[in-house]
Amino acid sequence: MRFLFGSTLASLVGAFLVVRLFDYMFSWLLGGIVVSTVKAGLFVTTWTAITTGSGMRSFSKRVRGLRLRTRSANKRLIPRR
């Protein structure tokens, strides 16, 4: 549950900051409905990217650990000459 909470919180904060930065930089350039649509898409895209990156880091860490345990088991079971 900790992974889910941390990932969700980081995604929320990151997406909020990206949308605020976009709003600060480009809202004067575009019209009202266009800004709302772009901000919604930007929020969802940022949220997805942060969550996916966090999940892939966790997955890669688990795979490395599994490979390390497999390698050590092979060394104990099949000694080299």
N, C-alpha and C. Protein backbone atom coordinates (compact mmCIF):
# COMPACT_ATOMS: atom_id res chain seq x y z
N MET A 1 0.82 -1.19 0.00
CA MET A 1 0.00 0.00 0.00
C MET A 1 0.87 1.27 0.00
N ARG A 2 2.06 1.18 0.59
CA ARG A 2 2.96 2.33 0.65
C ARG A 2 3.35 2.78 -0.75
N PHE A 3 3.65 1.82 -1.63
CA PHE A 3 4.04 2.15 -3.00
C PHE A 3 2.91 2.91 -3.71
N LEU A 4 1.69 2.45 -3.53
CA LEU A 4 0.55 3.08 -4.19
C LEU A 4 0.35 4.50 -3.68
N PHE A 5 0.46 4.71 -2.38
CA PHE A 5 0.27 6.04 -1.80
C PHE A 5 1.38 6.98 -2.24
N GLY A 6 2.62 6.54 -2.19
CA GLY A 6 3.75 7.38 -2.58
C GLY A 6 3.71 7.75 -4.05
N SER A 7 3.39 6.79 -4.88
CA SER A 7 3.31 7.03 -6.32
C SER A 7 2.17 7.98 -6.65
N THR A 8 1.04 7.79 -6.02
CA THR A 8 -0.11 8.66 -6.26
C THR A 8 0.17 10.09 -5.81
N LEU A 9 0.78 10.22 -4.65
CA LEU A 9 1.09 11.56 -4.14
C LEU A 9 2.12 12.27 -5.02
N ALA A 10 3.15 11.56 -5.43
CA ALA A 10 4.17 12.16 -6.31
C ALA A 10 3.56 12.54 -7.66
N SER A 11 2.69 11.71 -8.20
CA SER A 11 2.04 12.01 -9.47
C SER A 11 1.14 13.23 -9.35
N LEU A 12 0.42 13.33 -8.27
CA LEU A 12 -0.47 14.46 -8.05
C LEU A 12 0.31 15.77 -7.97
N VAL A 13 1.35 15.77 -7.17
CA VAL A 13 2.16 16.98 -7.01
C VAL A 13 2.85 17.35 -8.32
N GLY A 14 3.45 16.38 -8.99
CA GLY A 14 4.13 16.65 -10.25
C GLY A 14 3.19 17.19 -11.31
N ALA A 15 2.02 16.57 -11.45
CA ALA A 15 1.05 17.02 -12.44
C ALA A 15 0.53 18.42 -12.11
N PHE A 16 0.30 18.68 -10.84
CA PHE A 16 -0.16 20.00 -10.43
C PHE A 16 0.88 21.07 -10.77
N LEU A 17 2.16 20.77 -10.49
CA LEU A 17 3.21 21.73 -10.78
C LEU A 17 3.37 21.98 -12.29
N VAL A 18 3.27 20.94 -13.09
CA VAL A 18 3.39 21.10 -14.54
C VAL A 18 2.23 21.94 -15.08
N VAL A 19 1.03 21.69 -14.60
CA VAL A 19 -0.13 22.46 -15.05
C VAL A 19 -0.01 23.92 -14.63
N ARG A 20 0.47 24.16 -13.41
CA ARG A 20 0.65 25.54 -12.94
C ARG A 20 1.71 26.26 -13.78
N LEU A 21 2.78 25.55 -14.10
CA LEU A 21 3.83 26.14 -14.92
C LEU A 21 3.30 26.48 -16.31
N PHE A 22 2.53 25.57 -16.89
CA PHE A 22 1.91 25.83 -18.19
C PHE A 22 0.97 27.03 -18.11
N ASP A 23 0.17 27.07 -17.06
CA ASP A 23 -0.77 28.17 -16.88
C ASP A 23 -0.05 29.50 -16.77
N TYR A 24 1.05 29.50 -16.05
CA TYR A 24 1.83 30.72 -15.87
C TYR A 24 2.48 31.18 -17.18
N MET A 25 2.95 30.24 -17.98
CA MET A 25 3.70 30.58 -19.18
C MET A 25 2.83 30.82 -20.43
N PHE A 26 1.77 30.05 -20.61
CA PHE A 26 1.06 30.07 -21.89
C PHE A 26 -0.42 30.44 -21.83
N SER A 27 -0.98 30.68 -20.67
CA SER A 27 -2.43 30.94 -20.61
C SER A 27 -2.81 32.24 -21.30
N TRP A 28 -1.93 33.21 -21.35
CA TRP A 28 -2.23 34.48 -22.00
C TRP A 28 -2.26 34.34 -23.52
N LEU A 29 -1.63 33.28 -24.03
CA LEU A 29 -1.50 33.09 -25.47
C LEU A 29 -2.73 32.43 -26.09
N LEU A 30 -3.37 31.55 -25.35
CA LEU A 30 -4.47 30.74 -25.88
C LEU A 30 -5.81 31.21 -25.32
N GLY A 31 -6.90 30.78 -25.95
CA GLY A 31 -8.24 31.11 -25.49
C GLY A 31 -8.66 30.25 -24.30
N GLY A 32 -9.80 30.54 -23.70
CA GLY A 32 -10.27 29.88 -22.48
C GLY A 32 -10.52 28.39 -22.62
N ILE A 33 -11.29 27.98 -23.63
CA ILE A 33 -11.62 26.56 -23.80
C ILE A 33 -10.40 25.76 -24.21
N VAL A 34 -9.53 26.37 -24.99
CA VAL A 34 -8.30 25.69 -25.43
C VAL A 34 -7.39 25.46 -24.23
N VAL A 35 -7.26 26.45 -23.36
CA VAL A 35 -6.41 26.31 -22.17
C VAL A 35 -6.94 25.21 -21.27
N SER A 36 -8.25 25.16 -21.08
CA SER A 36 -8.84 24.13 -20.22
C SER A 36 -8.59 22.73 -20.78
N THR A 37 -8.74 22.58 -22.07
CA THR A 37 -8.53 21.28 -22.70
C THR A 37 -7.06 20.86 -22.62
N VAL A 38 -6.17 21.79 -22.91
CA VAL A 38 -4.74 21.47 -22.87
C VAL A 38 -4.31 21.16 -21.44
N LYS A 39 -4.81 21.92 -20.48
CA LYS A 39 -4.44 21.67 -19.08
C LYS A 39 -4.90 20.29 -18.61
N ALA A 40 -6.10 19.88 -19.02
CA ALA A 40 -6.60 18.55 -18.65
C ALA A 40 -5.73 17.46 -19.27
N GLY A 41 -5.41 17.60 -20.53
CA GLY A 41 -4.55 16.61 -21.20
C GLY A 41 -3.16 16.58 -20.61
N LEU A 42 -2.63 17.74 -20.29
CA LEU A 42 -1.31 17.83 -19.69
C LEU A 42 -1.28 17.19 -18.31
N PHE A 43 -2.34 17.40 -17.54
CA PHE A 43 -2.43 16.80 -16.20
C PHE A 43 -2.45 15.28 -16.29
N VAL A 44 -3.29 14.75 -17.15
CA VAL A 44 -3.40 13.29 -17.29
C VAL A 44 -2.11 12.69 -17.82
N THR A 45 -1.49 13.32 -18.79
CA THR A 45 -0.24 12.82 -19.36
C THR A 45 0.88 12.82 -18.34
N THR A 46 1.00 13.91 -17.58
CA THR A 46 2.04 13.98 -16.56
C THR A 46 1.79 12.96 -15.47
N TRP A 47 0.56 12.82 -15.04
CA TRP A 47 0.21 11.85 -14.00
C TRP A 47 0.60 10.44 -14.46
N THR A 48 0.26 10.11 -15.69
CA THR A 48 0.57 8.78 -16.22
C THR A 48 2.07 8.55 -16.34
N ALA A 49 2.79 9.55 -16.81
CA ALA A 49 4.24 9.41 -16.98
C ALA A 49 4.95 9.21 -15.64
N ILE A 50 4.57 9.95 -14.63
CA ILE A 50 5.21 9.82 -13.32
C ILE A 50 4.87 8.47 -12.70
N THR A 51 3.62 8.06 -12.79
CA THR A 51 3.21 6.77 -12.21
C THR A 51 3.90 5.61 -12.92
N THR A 52 3.98 5.67 -14.24
CA THR A 52 4.64 4.61 -15.01
C THR A 52 6.13 4.54 -14.70
N GLY A 53 6.77 5.70 -14.63
CA GLY A 53 8.20 5.72 -14.29
C GLY A 53 8.47 5.15 -12.91
N SER A 54 7.63 5.48 -11.97
CA SER A 54 7.79 4.96 -10.62
C SER A 54 7.59 3.44 -10.59
N GLY A 55 6.59 2.97 -11.30
CA GLY A 55 6.34 1.53 -11.36
C GLY A 55 7.46 0.77 -12.05
N MET A 56 8.02 1.34 -13.10
CA MET A 56 9.11 0.68 -13.81
C MET A 56 10.37 0.62 -12.96
N ARG A 57 10.65 1.67 -12.19
CA ARG A 57 11.81 1.64 -11.29
C ARG A 57 11.65 0.53 -10.26
N SER A 58 10.46 0.42 -9.70
CA SER A 58 10.21 -0.63 -8.71
C SER A 58 10.32 -2.02 -9.34
N PHE A 59 9.77 -2.18 -10.53
CA PHE A 59 9.85 -3.45 -11.22
C PHE A 59 11.30 -3.82 -11.54
N SER A 60 12.08 -2.86 -12.02
CA SER A 60 13.48 -3.13 -12.36
C SER A 60 14.26 -3.53 -11.12
N LYS A 61 13.98 -2.88 -10.00
CA LYS A 61 14.67 -3.22 -8.75
C LYS A 61 14.35 -4.65 -8.33
N ARG A 62 13.12 -5.05 -8.47
CA ARG A 62 12.73 -6.43 -8.10
C ARG A 62 13.36 -7.45 -9.05
N VAL A 63 13.42 -7.14 -10.33
CA VAL A 63 14.03 -8.06 -11.30
C VAL A 63 15.52 -8.21 -11.02
N ARG A 64 16.22 -7.10 -10.70
CA ARG A 64 17.64 -7.19 -10.36
C ARG A 64 17.86 -8.07 -9.14
N GLY A 65 16.99 -7.93 -8.13
CA GLY A 65 17.09 -8.76 -6.94
C GLY A 65 16.87 -10.23 -7.25
N LEU A 66 15.90 -10.51 -8.12
CA LEU A 66 15.63 -11.90 -8.51
C LEU A 66 16.82 -12.49 -9.26
N ARG A 67 17.40 -11.72 -10.17
CA ARG A 67 18.58 -12.21 -10.91
C ARG A 67 19.75 -12.47 -9.98
N LEU A 68 19.94 -11.61 -8.99
CA LEU A 68 21.02 -11.80 -8.03
C LEU A 68 20.82 -13.07 -7.21
N ARG A 69 19.59 -13.30 -6.76
CA ARG A 69 19.31 -14.53 -6.00
C ARG A 69 19.47 -15.77 -6.86
N THR A 70 19.06 -15.69 -8.13
CA THR A 70 19.21 -16.83 -9.03
C THR A 70 20.68 -17.13 -9.28
N ARG A 71 21.47 -16.09 -9.47
CA ARG A 71 22.90 -16.26 -9.71
C ARG A 71 23.58 -16.90 -8.51
N SER A 72 23.23 -16.45 -7.31
CA SER A 72 23.87 -17.02 -6.13
C SER A 72 23.42 -18.47 -5.91
N ALA A 73 22.17 -18.79 -6.24
CA ALA A 73 21.71 -20.17 -6.12
C ALA A 73 22.42 -21.06 -7.12
N ASN A 74 22.64 -20.58 -8.34
CA ASN A 74 23.35 -21.36 -9.34
C ASN A 74 24.79 -21.63 -8.92
N LYS A 75 25.43 -20.66 -8.31
CA LYS A 75 26.81 -20.86 -7.85
C LYS A 75 26.89 -21.93 -6.77
N ARG A 76 25.88 -21.98 -5.92
CA ARG A 76 25.88 -23.01 -4.86
C ARG A 76 25.52 -24.38 -5.39
N LEU A 77 24.62 -24.43 -6.37
CA LEU A 77 24.18 -25.72 -6.89
C LEU A 77 25.11 -26.31 -7.94
N ILE A 78 25.70 -25.48 -8.78
CA ILE A 78 26.56 -25.94 -9.85
C ILE A 78 27.94 -25.29 -9.65
N PRO A 79 28.83 -25.94 -8.89
CA PRO A 79 30.15 -25.35 -8.67
C PRO A 79 30.98 -25.38 -9.95
N ARG A 80 31.76 -24.34 -10.15
CA ARG A 80 32.63 -24.28 -11.33
C ARG A 80 33.93 -25.00 -11.05
N ARG A 81 34.55 -25.50 -12.09
CA ARG A 81 35.79 -26.26 -11.92
C ARG A 81 36.98 -25.42 -12.16
